[in-house]
């Protein structure tokens, strides 16, 4: 599946849709869990503009966009191993 940034870059968006796109890209980890109403309120645009934005990207509607965005966000999350506690060099030598 294409990266969302690439899909948005290739889409012909209105000024309002570009505002929504910028928000979604800049806040992707939050935006994918927000409702269309929450995004609309946050950006002071209409909810229908948010829905049209999702459709202009090729999604069937906002919920389809949200579901796929959330899945991609979860897939991008990296689990880092827990770092080892700091051991002074004196202790490290005695452990070897």
N, C-alpha and C. Protein backbone atom coordinates (compact mmCIF):
# COMPACT_ATOMS: atom_id res chain seq x y z
N UNK A 1 0.83 -1.19 0.00
CA UNK A 1 0.00 0.00 0.00
C UNK A 1 0.87 1.25 0.00
N UNK A 2 0.43 2.24 -0.74
CA UNK A 2 1.20 3.48 -0.82
C UNK A 2 1.23 4.17 0.54
N UNK A 3 2.31 4.85 0.79
CA UNK A 3 2.45 5.66 1.99
C UNK A 3 1.48 6.84 1.90
N UNK A 4 0.86 7.19 3.02
CA UNK A 4 -0.12 8.27 3.05
C UNK A 4 0.45 9.57 2.51
N UNK A 5 1.69 9.86 2.85
CA UNK A 5 2.32 11.10 2.38
C UNK A 5 2.34 11.14 0.85
N UNK A 6 2.63 10.00 0.24
CA UNK A 6 2.67 9.92 -1.23
C UNK A 6 1.27 10.07 -1.83
N UNK A 7 0.28 9.44 -1.19
CA UNK A 7 -1.10 9.57 -1.66
C UNK A 7 -1.55 11.02 -1.62
N UNK A 8 -1.26 11.70 -0.52
CA UNK A 8 -1.64 13.10 -0.38
C UNK A 8 -0.89 13.97 -1.38
N UNK A 9 0.39 13.70 -1.57
CA UNK A 9 1.20 14.48 -2.51
C UNK A 9 0.65 14.39 -3.93
N UNK A 10 0.16 13.22 -4.30
CA UNK A 10 -0.34 13.00 -5.66
C UNK A 10 -1.79 13.43 -5.86
N UNK A 11 -2.49 13.75 -4.78
CA UNK A 11 -3.90 14.13 -4.88
C UNK A 11 -4.05 15.62 -5.20
N UNK A 12 -5.12 15.94 -5.91
CA UNK A 12 -5.46 17.34 -6.17
C UNK A 12 -6.42 17.77 -5.07
N UNK A 13 -5.91 18.56 -4.13
CA UNK A 13 -6.69 18.95 -2.95
C UNK A 13 -7.05 20.42 -3.00
N UNK A 14 -8.21 20.72 -2.43
CA UNK A 14 -8.60 22.11 -2.25
C UNK A 14 -7.75 22.69 -1.12
N UNK A 15 -7.86 23.98 -0.92
CA UNK A 15 -7.11 24.64 0.15
C UNK A 15 -7.50 24.06 1.52
N UNK A 16 -8.80 23.85 1.73
CA UNK A 16 -9.27 23.28 2.99
C UNK A 16 -8.77 21.85 3.15
N UNK A 17 -8.83 21.07 2.09
CA UNK A 17 -8.33 19.69 2.15
C UNK A 17 -6.84 19.65 2.42
N UNK A 18 -6.10 20.61 1.88
CA UNK A 18 -4.66 20.67 2.14
C UNK A 18 -4.38 20.99 3.61
N UNK A 19 -5.23 21.84 4.20
CA UNK A 19 -5.11 22.13 5.63
C UNK A 19 -5.31 20.86 6.45
N UNK A 20 -6.32 20.08 6.07
CA UNK A 20 -6.58 18.80 6.75
C UNK A 20 -5.42 17.85 6.54
N UNK A 21 -4.91 17.79 5.32
CA UNK A 21 -3.78 16.91 5.01
C UNK A 21 -2.56 17.27 5.84
N UNK A 22 -2.27 18.55 5.95
CA UNK A 22 -1.12 18.99 6.75
C UNK A 22 -1.28 18.55 8.21
N UNK A 23 -2.48 18.71 8.73
CA UNK A 23 -2.73 18.31 10.12
C UNK A 23 -2.56 16.81 10.28
N UNK A 24 -3.14 16.04 9.37
CA UNK A 24 -3.06 14.57 9.45
C UNK A 24 -1.61 14.11 9.37
N UNK A 25 -0.83 14.70 8.50
CA UNK A 25 0.58 14.30 8.36
C UNK A 25 1.41 14.73 9.57
N UNK A 26 1.14 15.93 10.07
CA UNK A 26 1.92 16.44 11.21
C UNK A 26 1.53 15.79 12.54
N UNK A 27 0.32 15.26 12.62
CA UNK A 27 -0.18 14.65 13.86
C UNK A 27 -0.74 13.26 13.61
N UNK A 28 -0.06 12.48 12.79
CA UNK A 28 -0.61 11.20 12.35
C UNK A 28 -0.93 10.24 13.49
N UNK A 29 -0.10 10.23 14.53
CA UNK A 29 -0.36 9.28 15.62
C UNK A 29 -1.59 9.65 16.43
N UNK A 30 -1.99 10.91 16.40
CA UNK A 30 -3.22 11.34 17.08
C UNK A 30 -4.41 11.37 16.12
N UNK A 31 -4.17 11.90 14.92
CA UNK A 31 -5.26 12.11 13.96
C UNK A 31 -5.96 10.82 13.57
N UNK A 32 -5.22 9.72 13.51
CA UNK A 32 -5.84 8.47 13.07
C UNK A 32 -6.84 7.93 14.09
N UNK A 33 -6.82 8.45 15.30
CA UNK A 33 -7.77 8.02 16.33
C UNK A 33 -8.83 9.07 16.62
N UNK A 34 -8.79 10.19 15.90
CA UNK A 34 -9.77 11.25 16.08
C UNK A 34 -10.95 11.04 15.14
N UNK A 35 -12.12 11.47 15.54
CA UNK A 35 -13.28 11.41 14.67
C UNK A 35 -13.21 12.56 13.66
N UNK A 36 -14.03 12.46 12.63
CA UNK A 36 -14.08 13.54 11.65
C UNK A 36 -14.55 14.84 12.32
N UNK A 37 -15.43 14.72 13.28
CA UNK A 37 -15.92 15.89 14.02
C UNK A 37 -14.80 16.53 14.82
N UNK A 38 -13.99 15.72 15.48
CA UNK A 38 -12.88 16.25 16.28
C UNK A 38 -11.86 16.97 15.41
N UNK A 39 -11.55 16.38 14.26
CA UNK A 39 -10.60 17.04 13.35
C UNK A 39 -11.19 18.34 12.82
N UNK A 40 -12.46 18.28 12.45
CA UNK A 40 -13.13 19.49 11.94
C UNK A 40 -13.12 20.61 12.99
N UNK A 41 -13.46 20.26 14.22
CA UNK A 41 -13.46 21.26 15.29
C UNK A 41 -12.07 21.82 15.53
N UNK A 42 -11.09 20.95 15.52
CA UNK A 42 -9.70 21.37 15.77
C UNK A 42 -9.21 22.34 14.70
N UNK A 43 -9.64 22.11 13.45
CA UNK A 43 -9.15 22.92 12.34
C UNK A 43 -10.12 24.02 11.91
N UNK A 44 -11.27 24.06 12.59
CA UNK A 44 -12.30 25.04 12.26
C UNK A 44 -12.74 24.92 10.79
N UNK A 45 -12.99 23.67 10.40
CA UNK A 45 -13.54 23.38 9.07
C UNK A 45 -14.80 22.54 9.29
N UNK A 46 -15.55 22.31 8.24
CA UNK A 46 -16.76 21.51 8.39
C UNK A 46 -16.42 20.02 8.42
N UNK A 47 -17.28 19.27 9.07
CA UNK A 47 -17.09 17.82 9.11
C UNK A 47 -17.18 17.24 7.71
N UNK A 48 -18.04 17.79 6.88
CA UNK A 48 -18.15 17.29 5.51
C UNK A 48 -16.86 17.52 4.73
N UNK A 49 -16.11 18.56 5.06
CA UNK A 49 -14.81 18.79 4.41
C UNK A 49 -13.82 17.68 4.76
N UNK A 50 -13.87 17.23 6.00
CA UNK A 50 -12.99 16.14 6.43
C UNK A 50 -13.37 14.85 5.71
N UNK A 51 -14.65 14.61 5.57
CA UNK A 51 -15.13 13.41 4.86
C UNK A 51 -14.75 13.49 3.38
N UNK A 52 -14.95 14.66 2.77
CA UNK A 52 -14.56 14.83 1.36
C UNK A 52 -13.06 14.66 1.17
N UNK A 53 -12.28 15.11 2.16
CA UNK A 53 -10.82 14.92 2.11
C UNK A 53 -10.49 13.43 2.01
N UNK A 54 -11.10 12.62 2.86
CA UNK A 54 -10.84 11.17 2.83
C UNK A 54 -11.24 10.57 1.49
N UNK A 55 -12.37 10.97 0.99
CA UNK A 55 -12.84 10.45 -0.31
C UNK A 55 -11.94 10.90 -1.46
N UNK A 56 -11.41 12.12 -1.36
CA UNK A 56 -10.53 12.62 -2.44
C UNK A 56 -9.23 11.84 -2.51
N UNK A 57 -8.90 11.15 -1.43
CA UNK A 57 -7.69 10.31 -1.42
C UNK A 57 -7.97 8.89 -1.89
N UNK A 58 -9.24 8.60 -2.19
CA UNK A 58 -9.60 7.29 -2.70
C UNK A 58 -10.23 6.36 -1.69
N UNK A 59 -10.45 6.83 -0.47
CA UNK A 59 -11.09 6.01 0.55
C UNK A 59 -12.61 6.10 0.37
N UNK A 60 -13.34 5.09 0.85
CA UNK A 60 -14.79 5.10 0.70
C UNK A 60 -15.44 6.15 1.60
N UNK A 61 -14.77 6.54 2.63
CA UNK A 61 -15.26 7.55 3.56
C UNK A 61 -14.25 7.76 4.66
N UNK A 62 -14.60 8.58 5.64
CA UNK A 62 -13.65 8.89 6.70
C UNK A 62 -13.31 7.68 7.56
N UNK A 63 -14.31 6.84 7.85
CA UNK A 63 -14.04 5.68 8.70
C UNK A 63 -13.05 4.72 8.04
N UNK A 64 -13.15 4.57 6.73
CA UNK A 64 -12.21 3.74 5.97
C UNK A 64 -10.80 4.34 6.07
N UNK A 65 -10.71 5.64 5.88
CA UNK A 65 -9.43 6.36 6.01
C UNK A 65 -8.86 6.19 7.42
N UNK A 66 -9.72 6.37 8.42
CA UNK A 66 -9.30 6.28 9.82
C UNK A 66 -8.80 4.88 10.16
N UNK A 67 -9.52 3.87 9.71
CA UNK A 67 -9.16 2.48 10.00
C UNK A 67 -7.80 2.13 9.40
N UNK A 68 -7.59 2.50 8.16
CA UNK A 68 -6.32 2.20 7.49
C UNK A 68 -5.19 3.04 8.07
N UNK A 69 -5.46 4.30 8.41
CA UNK A 69 -4.44 5.16 9.02
C UNK A 69 -4.01 4.62 10.38
N UNK A 70 -4.98 4.18 11.17
CA UNK A 70 -4.66 3.62 12.50
C UNK A 70 -3.84 2.35 12.36
N UNK A 71 -4.19 1.52 11.41
CA UNK A 71 -3.44 0.28 11.18
C UNK A 71 -2.01 0.59 10.77
N UNK A 72 -1.84 1.56 9.87
CA UNK A 72 -0.49 1.95 9.44
C UNK A 72 0.31 2.55 10.57
N UNK A 73 -0.35 3.33 11.43
CA UNK A 73 0.34 3.92 12.58
C UNK A 73 0.81 2.83 13.53
N UNK A 74 -0.05 1.85 13.79
CA UNK A 74 0.35 0.74 14.66
C UNK A 74 1.49 -0.06 14.05
N UNK A 75 1.47 -0.27 12.73
CA UNK A 75 2.52 -1.03 12.07
C UNK A 75 3.85 -0.29 12.07
N UNK A 76 3.79 1.04 12.06
CA UNK A 76 5.02 1.84 12.07
C UNK A 76 5.64 1.93 13.45
N UNK A 77 4.86 1.67 14.48
CA UNK A 77 5.37 1.77 15.84
C UNK A 77 6.47 0.73 16.03
N UNK A 78 7.56 1.18 16.56
CA UNK A 78 8.68 0.29 16.79
C UNK A 78 8.81 0.06 18.28
N UNK A 79 9.00 -1.18 18.63
CA UNK A 79 9.21 -1.51 20.03
C UNK A 79 10.71 -1.56 20.27
N UNK A 80 11.16 -0.68 21.11
CA UNK A 80 12.58 -0.63 21.44
C UNK A 80 12.84 -1.52 22.64
N UNK A 81 13.93 -2.26 22.61
CA UNK A 81 14.25 -3.08 23.77
C UNK A 81 14.54 -2.19 24.98
N UNK A 82 14.28 -2.71 26.13
CA UNK A 82 14.56 -1.98 27.36
C UNK A 82 16.07 -1.85 27.50
N UNK A 83 16.58 -0.64 27.68
CA UNK A 83 18.03 -0.48 27.80
C UNK A 83 18.53 -1.09 29.10
N UNK A 84 19.75 -1.55 29.06
CA UNK A 84 20.37 -2.08 30.27
C UNK A 84 20.62 -0.95 31.24
N UNK A 85 20.51 -1.21 32.50
CA UNK A 85 20.79 -0.15 33.48
C UNK A 85 22.25 0.26 33.40
N UNK A 86 22.48 1.49 33.75
CA UNK A 86 23.85 2.01 33.74
C UNK A 86 24.67 1.28 34.80
N UNK A 87 25.79 0.77 34.36
CA UNK A 87 26.72 0.13 35.30
C UNK A 87 28.05 0.87 35.24
N UNK A 88 28.53 1.36 36.36
CA UNK A 88 29.85 2.00 36.35
C UNK A 88 30.90 1.02 35.82
N UNK A 89 31.93 1.54 35.22
CA UNK A 89 32.95 0.70 34.60
C UNK A 89 33.57 -0.29 35.59
N UNK A 90 33.66 0.08 36.86
CA UNK A 90 34.22 -0.83 37.86
C UNK A 90 33.37 -2.08 37.96
N UNK A 91 32.07 -1.94 37.95
CA UNK A 91 31.17 -3.09 38.05
C UNK A 91 31.21 -3.93 36.79
N UNK A 92 31.30 -3.27 35.63
CA UNK A 92 31.32 -4.04 34.39
C UNK A 92 32.53 -4.94 34.33
N UNK A 93 33.65 -4.47 34.83
CA UNK A 93 34.88 -5.27 34.81
C UNK A 93 34.71 -6.49 35.70
N UNK A 94 34.05 -6.32 36.85
CA UNK A 94 33.91 -7.43 37.77
C UNK A 94 32.89 -8.45 37.28
N UNK A 95 31.97 -8.03 36.39
CA UNK A 95 30.96 -8.94 35.87
C UNK A 95 31.56 -9.88 34.83
N UNK A 96 32.53 -9.39 34.07
CA UNK A 96 33.14 -10.20 33.00
C UNK A 96 33.89 -11.29 33.58
